[in-house]
Amino acid sequence: MQYRAVKYQGLIQSIGAVASMSRRSNCWDNAVMESFFSRLKVELVFAEKYQSIEQAKASIFEYIEIFYNRVRQHSALGYLSPMEYEQRYA
């Protein structure tokens, strides 16, 4: 319910963002992102001790742009990285 709170929704609107919520009681609507954030935490965040927000941002950027998209094999893509998959099927 906190994501539907008036103050939260007001903040979202004040920065020009649009809130996106799944259907009530349907966890499958967000399964792809839940899986991504699970992997991010397990493969990177829990193993690190960040000294600053900037260090955390740089580390997460590198994880996504270098490792996750270019190196990490994804079972849903036939054990290819997203970059390899795009190159093969583009």
PDB file of N, CA and C in Angstrom:
ATOM      1  N   MET A   1       0.803  -1.194   0.000  1.00  0.00           N
ATOM      2  CA  MET A   1       0.000   0.000   0.000  1.00  0.00           C
ATOM      3  C   MET A   1       0.851   1.266   0.000  1.00  0.00           C
ATOM      4  N   GLN A   2       2.090   1.225   0.507  1.00  0.00           N
ATOM      5  CA  GLN A   2       2.877   2.450   0.597  1.00  0.00           C
ATOM      6  C   GLN A   2       3.121   3.086  -0.760  1.00  0.00           C
ATOM      7  N   TYR A   3       3.123   2.314  -1.833  1.00  0.00           N
ATOM      8  CA  TYR A   3       3.348   2.871  -3.159  1.00  0.00           C
ATOM      9  C   TYR A   3       2.124   3.630  -3.671  1.00  0.00           C
ATOM     10  N   ARG A   4       0.987   3.416  -3.039  1.00  0.00           N
ATOM     11  CA  ARG A   4      -0.225   4.142  -3.412  1.00  0.00           C
ATOM     12  C   ARG A   4      -0.468   5.324  -2.485  1.00  0.00           C
ATOM     13  N   ALA A   5       0.387   5.545  -1.504  1.00  0.00           N
ATOM     14  CA  ALA A   5       0.213   6.635  -0.545  1.00  0.00           C
ATOM     15  C   ALA A   5       0.211   7.980  -1.260  1.00  0.00           C
ATOM     16  N   VAL A   6      -0.615   8.887  -0.784  1.00  0.00           N
ATOM     17  CA  VAL A   6      -0.766  10.196  -1.407  1.00  0.00           C
ATOM     18  C   VAL A   6       0.560  10.943  -1.465  1.00  0.00           C
ATOM     19  N   LYS A   7       1.333  10.940  -0.368  1.00  0.00           N
ATOM     20  CA  LYS A   7       2.621  11.653  -0.358  1.00  0.00           C
ATOM     21  C   LYS A   7       3.586  11.068  -1.378  1.00  0.00           C
ATOM     22  N   TYR A   8       3.652   9.749  -1.452  1.00  0.00           N
ATOM     23  CA  TYR A   8       4.552   9.090  -2.391  1.00  0.00           C
ATOM     24  C   TYR A   8       4.143   9.395  -3.827  1.00  0.00           C
ATOM     25  N   GLN A   9       2.870   9.265  -4.125  1.00  0.00           N
ATOM     26  CA  GLN A   9       2.384   9.538  -5.475  1.00  0.00           C
ATOM     27  C   GLN A   9       2.617  11.006  -5.844  1.00  0.00           C
ATOM     28  N   GLY A  10       2.450  11.916  -4.864  1.00  0.00           N
ATOM     29  CA  GLY A  10       2.722  13.332  -5.102  1.00  0.00           C
ATOM     30  C   GLY A  10       4.178  13.580  -5.453  1.00  0.00           C
ATOM     31  N   LEU A  11       5.086  12.899  -4.753  1.00  0.00           N
ATOM     32  CA  LEU A  11       6.515  13.026  -5.042  1.00  0.00           C
ATOM     33  C   LEU A  11       6.829  12.518  -6.446  1.00  0.00           C
ATOM     34  N   ILE A  12       6.280  11.380  -6.798  1.00  0.00           N
ATOM     35  CA  ILE A  12       6.494  10.813  -8.131  1.00  0.00           C
ATOM     36  C   ILE A  12       6.039  11.808  -9.202  1.00  0.00           C
ATOM     37  N   GLN A  13       4.850  12.349  -9.026  1.00  0.00           N
ATOM     38  CA  GLN A  13       4.318  13.301 -10.006  1.00  0.00           C
ATOM     39  C   GLN A  13       5.131  14.591 -10.043  1.00  0.00           C
ATOM     40  N   SER A  14       5.633  15.042  -8.888  1.00  0.00           N
ATOM     41  CA  SER A  14       6.369  16.306  -8.836  1.00  0.00           C
ATOM     42  C   SER A  14       7.677  16.269  -9.618  1.00  0.00           C
ATOM     43  N   ILE A  15       8.237  15.078  -9.813  1.00  0.00           N
ATOM     44  CA  ILE A  15       9.480  14.966 -10.592  1.00  0.00           C
ATOM     45  C   ILE A  15       9.213  14.549 -12.032  1.00  0.00           C
ATOM     46  N   GLY A  16       7.942  14.461 -12.378  1.00  0.00           N
ATOM     47  CA  GLY A  16       7.580  14.153 -13.756  1.00  0.00           C
ATOM     48  C   GLY A  16       7.611  12.676 -14.093  1.00  0.00           C
ATOM     49  N   ALA A  17       7.679  11.821 -13.083  1.00  0.00           N
ATOM     50  CA  ALA A  17       7.711  10.375 -13.323  1.00  0.00           C
ATOM     51  C   ALA A  17       6.289   9.822 -13.334  1.00  0.00           C
ATOM     52  N   VAL A  18       6.147   8.651 -13.895  1.00  0.00           N
ATOM     53  CA  VAL A  18       4.859   7.965 -13.927  1.00  0.00           C
ATOM     54  C   VAL A  18       5.017   6.659 -13.166  1.00  0.00           C
ATOM     55  N   ALA A  19       4.198   6.474 -12.152  1.00  0.00           N
ATOM     56  CA  ALA A  19       4.263   5.248 -11.356  1.00  0.00           C
ATOM     57  C   ALA A  19       3.734   4.073 -12.166  1.00  0.00           C
ATOM     58  N   SER A  20       4.354   2.931 -11.999  1.00  0.00           N
ATOM     59  CA  SER A  20       3.927   1.731 -12.686  1.00  0.00           C
ATOM     60  C   SER A  20       3.760   0.630 -11.658  1.00  0.00           C
ATOM     61  N   MET A  21       2.556   0.172 -11.495  1.00  0.00           N
ATOM     62  CA  MET A  21       2.283  -0.881 -10.517  1.00  0.00           C
ATOM     63  C   MET A  21       1.593  -2.043 -11.210  1.00  0.00           C
ATOM     64  N   SER A  22       1.884  -3.233 -10.738  1.00  0.00           N
ATOM     65  CA  SER A  22       1.262  -4.416 -11.318  1.00  0.00           C
ATOM     66  C   SER A  22      -0.169  -4.546 -10.806  1.00  0.00           C
ATOM     67  N   ARG A  23      -0.837  -5.512 -11.372  1.00  0.00           N
ATOM     68  CA  ARG A  23      -2.196  -5.785 -10.919  1.00  0.00           C
ATOM     69  C   ARG A  23      -2.161  -6.301  -9.489  1.00  0.00           C
ATOM     70  N   ARG A  24      -3.197  -6.066  -8.774  1.00  0.00           N
ATOM     71  CA  ARG A  24      -3.283  -6.489  -7.386  1.00  0.00           C
ATOM     72  C   ARG A  24      -3.114  -7.998  -7.263  1.00  0.00           C
ATOM     73  N   SER A  25      -2.252  -8.401  -6.328  1.00  0.00           N
ATOM     74  CA  SER A  25      -2.010  -9.819  -6.003  1.00  0.00           C
ATOM     75  C   SER A  25      -1.489 -10.624  -7.186  1.00  0.00           C
ATOM     76  N   ASN A  26      -0.736  -9.992  -8.087  1.00  0.00           N
ATOM     77  CA  ASN A  26      -0.186 -10.714  -9.224  1.00  0.00           C
ATOM     78  C   ASN A  26       1.318 -10.480  -9.289  1.00  0.00           C
ATOM     79  N   CYS A  27       2.071 -11.313  -8.607  1.00  0.00           N
ATOM     80  CA  CYS A  27       3.519 -11.149  -8.543  1.00  0.00           C
ATOM     81  C   CYS A  27       4.198 -11.385  -9.888  1.00  0.00           C
ATOM     82  N   TRP A  28       3.536 -12.062 -10.820  1.00  0.00           N
ATOM     83  CA  TRP A  28       4.162 -12.386 -12.104  1.00  0.00           C
ATOM     84  C   TRP A  28       4.323 -11.162 -13.001  1.00  0.00           C
ATOM     85  N   ASP A  29       3.567 -10.104 -12.733  1.00  0.00           N
ATOM     86  CA  ASP A  29       3.672  -8.901 -13.554  1.00  0.00           C
ATOM     87  C   ASP A  29       5.078  -8.317 -13.533  1.00  0.00           C
ATOM     88  N   ASN A  30       5.793  -8.506 -12.464  1.00  0.00           N
ATOM     89  CA  ASN A  30       7.110  -7.897 -12.308  1.00  0.00           C
ATOM     90  C   ASN A  30       8.220  -8.945 -12.183  1.00  0.00           C
ATOM     91  N   ALA A  31       7.980 -10.147 -12.641  1.00  0.00           N
ATOM     92  CA  ALA A  31       8.921 -11.249 -12.445  1.00  0.00           C
ATOM     93  C   ALA A  31      10.292 -10.987 -13.065  1.00  0.00           C
ATOM     94  N   VAL A  32      10.341 -10.367 -14.223  1.00  0.00           N
ATOM     95  CA  VAL A  32      11.626 -10.120 -14.891  1.00  0.00           C
ATOM     96  C   VAL A  32      12.492  -9.189 -14.053  1.00  0.00           C
ATOM     97  N   MET A  33      11.913  -8.108 -13.565  1.00  0.00           N
ATOM     98  CA  MET A  33      12.688  -7.156 -12.760  1.00  0.00           C
ATOM     99  C   MET A  33      13.048  -7.740 -11.396  1.00  0.00           C
ATOM    100  N   GLU A  34      12.141  -8.511 -10.812  1.00  0.00           N
ATOM    101  CA  GLU A  34      12.450  -9.166  -9.537  1.00  0.00           C
ATOM    102  C   GLU A  34      13.650 -10.089  -9.706  1.00  0.00           C
ATOM    103  N   SER A  35      13.685 -10.819 -10.804  1.00  0.00           N
ATOM    104  CA  SER A  35      14.806 -11.712 -11.075  1.00  0.00           C
ATOM    105  C   SER A  35      16.096 -10.923 -11.262  1.00  0.00           C
ATOM    106  N   PHE A  36      16.032  -9.826 -12.025  1.00  0.00           N
ATOM    107  CA  PHE A  36      17.217  -8.998 -12.244  1.00  0.00           C
ATOM    108  C   PHE A  36      17.764  -8.464 -10.929  1.00  0.00           C
ATOM    109  N   PHE A  37      16.904  -7.871 -10.104  1.00  0.00           N
ATOM    110  CA  PHE A  37      17.381  -7.292  -8.844  1.00  0.00           C
ATOM    111  C   PHE A  37      17.893  -8.360  -7.886  1.00  0.00           C
ATOM    112  N   SER A  38      17.328  -9.548  -7.936  1.00  0.00           N
ATOM    113  CA  SER A  38      17.836 -10.659  -7.130  1.00  0.00           C
ATOM    114  C   SER A  38      19.272 -10.994  -7.529  1.00  0.00           C
ATOM    115  N   ARG A  39      19.509 -11.122  -8.837  1.00  0.00           N
ATOM    116  CA  ARG A  39      20.854 -11.423  -9.342  1.00  0.00           C
ATOM    117  C   ARG A  39      21.836 -10.300  -9.013  1.00  0.00           C
ATOM    118  N   LEU A  40      21.410  -9.054  -9.177  1.00  0.00           N
ATOM    119  CA  LEU A  40      22.257  -7.901  -8.870  1.00  0.00           C
ATOM    120  C   LEU A  40      22.710  -7.951  -7.413  1.00  0.00           C
ATOM    121  N   LYS A  41      21.788  -8.222  -6.509  1.00  0.00           N
ATOM    122  CA  LYS A  41      22.130  -8.271  -5.087  1.00  0.00           C
ATOM    123  C   LYS A  41      23.077  -9.430  -4.779  1.00  0.00           C
ATOM    124  N   VAL A  42      22.750 -10.609  -5.290  1.00  0.00           N
ATOM    125  CA  VAL A  42      23.550 -11.797  -4.989  1.00  0.00           C
ATOM    126  C   VAL A  42      24.941 -11.725  -5.634  1.00  0.00           C
ATOM    127  N   GLU A  43      24.999 -11.312  -6.894  1.00  0.00           N
ATOM    128  CA  GLU A  43      26.266 -11.329  -7.630  1.00  0.00           C
ATOM    129  C   GLU A  43      27.143 -10.116  -7.371  1.00  0.00           C
ATOM    130  N   LEU A  44      26.588  -9.049  -6.812  1.00  0.00           N
ATOM    131  CA  LEU A  44      27.386  -7.839  -6.638  1.00  0.00           C
ATOM    132  C   LEU A  44      27.223  -7.189  -5.270  1.00  0.00           C
ATOM    133  N   VAL A  45      26.058  -6.692  -4.982  1.00  0.00           N
ATOM    134  CA  VAL A  45      25.852  -5.801  -3.838  1.00  0.00           C
ATOM    135  C   VAL A  45      26.204  -6.447  -2.508  1.00  0.00           C
ATOM    136  N   PHE A  46      25.750  -7.667  -2.264  1.00  0.00           N
ATOM    137  CA  PHE A  46      26.005  -8.298  -0.971  1.00  0.00           C
ATOM    138  C   PHE A  46      27.482  -8.588  -0.736  1.00  0.00           C
ATOM    139  N   ALA A  47      28.268  -8.670  -1.792  1.00  0.00           N
ATOM    140  CA  ALA A  47      29.699  -8.972  -1.673  1.00  0.00           C
ATOM    141  C   ALA A  47      30.550  -7.718  -1.514  1.00  0.00           C
ATOM    142  N   GLU A  48      29.962  -6.535  -1.663  1.00  0.00           N
ATOM    143  CA  GLU A  48      30.710  -5.283  -1.640  1.00  0.00           C
ATOM    144  C   GLU A  48      30.508  -4.516  -0.334  1.00  0.00           C
ATOM    145  N   LYS A  49      31.464  -3.652  -0.034  1.00  0.00           N
ATOM    146  CA  LYS A  49      31.367  -2.703   1.079  1.00  0.00           C
ATOM    147  C   LYS A  49      31.621  -1.327   0.494  1.00  0.00           C
ATOM    148  N   TYR A  50      30.570  -0.666   0.074  1.00  0.00           N
ATOM    149  CA  TYR A  50      30.708   0.626  -0.592  1.00  0.00           C
ATOM    150  C   TYR A  50      31.063   1.718   0.416  1.00  0.00           C
ATOM    151  N   GLN A  51      31.980   2.593   0.014  1.00  0.00           N
ATOM    152  CA  GLN A  51      32.407   3.703   0.859  1.00  0.00           C
ATOM    153  C   GLN A  51      31.636   4.986   0.554  1.00  0.00           C
ATOM    154  N   SER A  52      30.950   5.026  -0.586  1.00  0.00           N
ATOM    155  CA  SER A  52      30.199   6.221  -0.970  1.00  0.00           C
ATOM    156  C   SER A  52      29.110   5.848  -1.964  1.00  0.00           C
ATOM    157  N   ILE A  53      28.170   6.757  -2.125  1.00  0.00           N
ATOM    158  CA  ILE A  53      27.108   6.580  -3.116  1.00  0.00           C
ATOM    159  C   ILE A  53      27.719   6.520  -4.512  1.00  0.00           C
ATOM    160  N   GLU A  54      28.711   7.376  -4.761  1.00  0.00           N
ATOM    161  CA  GLU A  54      29.359   7.403  -6.078  1.00  0.00           C
ATOM    162  C   GLU A  54      30.004   6.061  -6.404  1.00  0.00           C
ATOM    163  N   GLN A  55      30.651   5.459  -5.412  1.00  0.00           N
ATOM    164  CA  GLN A  55      31.280   4.152  -5.611  1.00  0.00           C
ATOM    165  C   GLN A  55      30.217   3.093  -5.913  1.00  0.00           C
ATOM    166  N   ALA A  56      29.102   3.140  -5.205  1.00  0.00           N
ATOM    167  CA  ALA A  56      28.019   2.180  -5.448  1.00  0.00           C
ATOM    168  C   ALA A  56      27.450   2.360  -6.848  1.00  0.00           C
ATOM    169  N   LYS A  57      27.208   3.603  -7.255  1.00  0.00           N
ATOM    170  CA  LYS A  57      26.678   3.872  -8.593  1.00  0.00           C
ATOM    171  C   LYS A  57      27.620   3.366  -9.679  1.00  0.00           C
ATOM    172  N   ALA A  58      28.917   3.636  -9.522  1.00  0.00           N
ATOM    173  CA  ALA A  58      29.896   3.194 -10.527  1.00  0.00           C
ATOM    174  C   ALA A  58      29.952   1.669 -10.599  1.00  0.00           C
ATOM    175  N   SER A  59      29.903   1.018  -9.460  1.00  0.00           N
ATOM    176  CA  SER A  59      29.966  -0.436  -9.409  1.00  0.00           C
ATOM    177  C   SER A  59      28.739  -1.063 -10.066  1.00  0.00           C
ATOM    178  N   ILE A  60      27.582  -0.524  -9.772  1.00  0.00           N
ATOM    179  CA  ILE A  60      26.342  -1.050 -10.352  1.00  0.00           C
ATOM    180  C   ILE A  60      26.301  -0.787 -11.849  1.00  0.00           C
ATOM    181  N   PHE A  61      26.735   0.391 -12.279  1.00  0.00           N
ATOM    182  CA  PHE A  61      26.792   0.699 -13.711  1.00  0.00           C
ATOM    183  C   PHE A  61      27.694  -0.308 -14.431  1.00  0.00           C
ATOM    184  N   GLU A  62      28.865  -0.561 -13.866  1.00  0.00           N
ATOM    185  CA  GLU A  62      29.809  -1.511 -14.478  1.00  0.00           C
ATOM    186  C   GLU A  62      29.212  -2.909 -14.520  1.00  0.00           C
ATOM    187  N   TYR A  63      28.541  -3.322 -13.448  1.00  0.00           N
ATOM    188  CA  TYR A  63      27.909  -4.643 -13.407  1.00  0.00           C
ATOM    189  C   TYR A  63      26.908  -4.786 -14.546  1.00  0.00           C
ATOM    190  N   ILE A  64      26.044  -3.778 -14.717  1.00  0.00           N
ATOM    191  CA  ILE A  64      25.000  -3.867 -15.737  1.00  0.00           C
ATOM    192  C   ILE A  64      25.579  -3.764 -17.142  1.00  0.00           C
ATOM    193  N   GLU A  65      26.361  -2.720 -17.383  1.00  0.00           N
ATOM    194  CA  GLU A  65      26.830  -2.436 -18.743  1.00  0.00           C
ATOM    195  C   GLU A  65      27.923  -3.385 -19.230  1.00  0.00           C
ATOM    196  N   ILE A  66      28.784  -3.823 -18.338  1.00  0.00           N
ATOM    197  CA  ILE A  66      29.894  -4.696 -18.755  1.00  0.00           C
ATOM    198  C   ILE A  66      29.554  -6.167 -18.524  1.00  0.00           C
ATOM    199  N   PHE A  67      29.265  -6.529 -17.285  1.00  0.00           N
ATOM    200  CA  PHE A  67      29.076  -7.943 -16.969  1.00  0.00           C
ATOM    201  C   PHE A  67      27.707  -8.464 -17.405  1.00  0.00           C
ATOM    202  N   TYR A  68      26.630  -7.869 -16.900  1.00  0.00           N
ATOM    203  CA  TYR A  68      25.287  -8.424 -17.117  1.00  0.00           C
ATOM    204  C   TYR A  68      24.897  -8.447 -18.594  1.00  0.00           C
ATOM    205  N   ASN A  69      25.180  -7.367 -19.305  1.00  0.00           N
ATOM    206  CA  ASN A  69      24.763  -7.289 -20.712  1.00  0.00           C
ATOM    207  C   ASN A  69      25.749  -7.892 -21.702  1.00  0.00           C
ATOM    208  N   ARG A  70      27.028  -7.938 -21.361  1.00  0.00           N
ATOM    209  CA  ARG A  70      28.030  -8.385 -22.330  1.00  0.00           C
ATOM    210  C   ARG A  70      28.646  -9.753 -22.036  1.00  0.00           C
ATOM    211  N   VAL A  71      28.664 -10.162 -20.764  1.00  0.00           N
ATOM    212  CA  VAL A  71      29.375 -11.388 -20.388  1.00  0.00           C
ATOM    213  C   VAL A  71      28.437 -12.453 -19.814  1.00  0.00           C
ATOM    214  N   ARG A  72      27.582 -12.072 -18.889  1.00  0.00           N
ATOM    215  CA  ARG A  72      26.761 -13.041 -18.159  1.00  0.00           C
ATOM    216  C   ARG A  72      25.828 -13.796 -19.090  1.00  0.00           C
ATOM    217  N   GLN A  73      25.853 -15.115 -18.978  1.00  0.00           N
ATOM    218  CA  GLN A  73      24.979 -15.959 -19.781  1.00  0.00           C
ATOM    219  C   GLN A  73      23.595 -16.013 -19.132  1.00  0.00           C
ATOM    220  N   HIS A  74      22.554 -15.914 -19.961  1.00  0.00           N
ATOM    221  CA  HIS A  74      21.174 -15.917 -19.484  1.00  0.00           C
ATOM    222  C   HIS A  74      20.470 -17.167 -20.000  1.00  0.00           C
ATOM    223  N   SER A  75      19.913 -17.928 -19.098  1.00  0.00           N
ATOM    224  CA  SER A  75      19.254 -19.174 -19.502  1.00  0.00           C
ATOM    225  C   SER A  75      18.096 -18.906 -20.465  1.00  0.00           C
ATOM    226  N   ALA A  76      17.382 -17.802 -20.280  1.00  0.00           N
ATOM    227  CA  ALA A  76      16.255 -17.482 -21.156  1.00  0.00           C
ATOM    228  C   ALA A  76      16.702 -17.146 -22.580  1.00  0.00           C
ATOM    229  N   LEU A  77      17.997 -16.887 -22.762  1.00  0.00           N
ATOM    230  CA  LEU A  77      18.537 -16.558 -24.088  1.00  0.00           C
ATOM    231  C   LEU A  77      19.391 -17.694 -24.636  1.00  0.00           C
ATOM    232  N   GLY A  78      19.143 -18.906 -24.169  1.00  0.00           N
ATOM    233  CA  GLY A  78      19.914 -20.054 -24.638  1.00  0.00           C
ATOM    234  C   GLY A  78      21.351 -20.011 -24.169  1.00  0.00           C
ATOM    235  N   TYR A  79      21.565 -19.479 -22.983  1.00  0.00           N
ATOM    236  CA  TYR A  79      22.891 -19.362 -22.364  1.00  0.00           C
ATOM    237  C   TYR A  79      23.851 -18.501 -23.174  1.00  0.00           C
ATOM    238  N   LEU A  80      23.290 -17.431 -23.752  1.00  0.00           N
ATOM    239  CA  LEU A  80      24.089 -16.390 -24.403  1.00  0.00           C
ATOM    240  C   LEU A  80      23.957 -15.121 -23.573  1.00  0.00           C
ATOM    241  N   SER A  81      24.915 -14.223 -23.707  1.00  0.00           N
ATOM    242  CA  SER A  81      24.753 -12.908 -23.087  1.00  0.00           C
ATOM    243  C   SER A  81      23.758 -12.116 -23.937  1.00  0.00           C
ATOM    244  N   PRO A  82      23.130 -11.079 -23.382  1.00  0.00           N
ATOM    245  CA  PRO A  82      22.222 -10.275 -24.199  1.00  0.00           C
ATOM    246  C   PRO A  82      22.901  -9.712 -25.454  1.00  0.00           C
ATOM    247  N   MET A  83      24.150  -9.293 -25.334  1.00  0.00           N
ATOM    248  CA  MET A  83      24.866  -8.762 -26.491  1.00  0.00           C
ATOM    249  C   MET A  83      25.073  -9.847 -27.550  1.00  0.00           C
ATOM    250  N   GLU A  84      25.481 -11.029 -27.127  1.00  0.00           N
ATOM    251  CA  GLU A  84      25.671 -12.136 -28.083  1.00  0.00           C
ATOM    252  C   GLU A  84      24.347 -12.503 -28.747  1.00  0.00           C
ATOM    253  N   TYR A  85      23.274 -12.514 -27.955  1.00  0.00           N
ATOM    254  CA  TYR A  85      21.959 -12.855 -28.474  1.00  0.00           C
ATOM    255  C   TYR A  85      21.532 -11.855 -29.547  1.00  0.00           C
ATOM    256  N   GLU A  86      21.694 -10.579 -29.257  1.00  0.00           N
ATOM    257  CA  GLU A  86      21.330  -9.532 -30.226  1.00  0.00           C
ATOM    258  C   GLU A  86      22.158  -9.662 -31.502  1.00  0.00           C
ATOM    259  N   GLN A  87      23.461  -9.897 -31.351  1.00  0.00           N
ATOM    260  CA  GLN A  87      24.335 -10.017 -32.528  1.00  0.00           C
ATOM    261  C   GLN A  87      23.947 -11.225 -33.370  1.00  0.00           C
ATOM    262  N   ARG A  88      23.609 -12.304 -32.722  1.00  0.00           N
ATOM    263  CA  ARG A  88      23.267 -13.535 -33.443  1.00  0.00           C
ATOM    264  C   ARG A  88      21.939 -13.435 -34.175  1.00  0.00           C
ATOM    265  N   TYR A  89      20.972 -12.774 -33.549  1.00  0.00           N
ATOM    266  CA  TYR A  89      19.623 -12.767 -34.111  1.00  0.00           C
ATOM    267  C   TYR A  89      19.182 -11.433 -34.683  1.00  0.00           C
ATOM    268  N   ALA A  90      20.098 -10.491 -34.792  1.00  0.00           N
ATOM    269  CA  ALA A  90      19.736  -9.169 -35.341  1.00  0.00           C
ATOM    270  C   ALA A  90      19.618  -9.243 -36.854  1.00  0.00           C
TER     271      ALA A  90
END
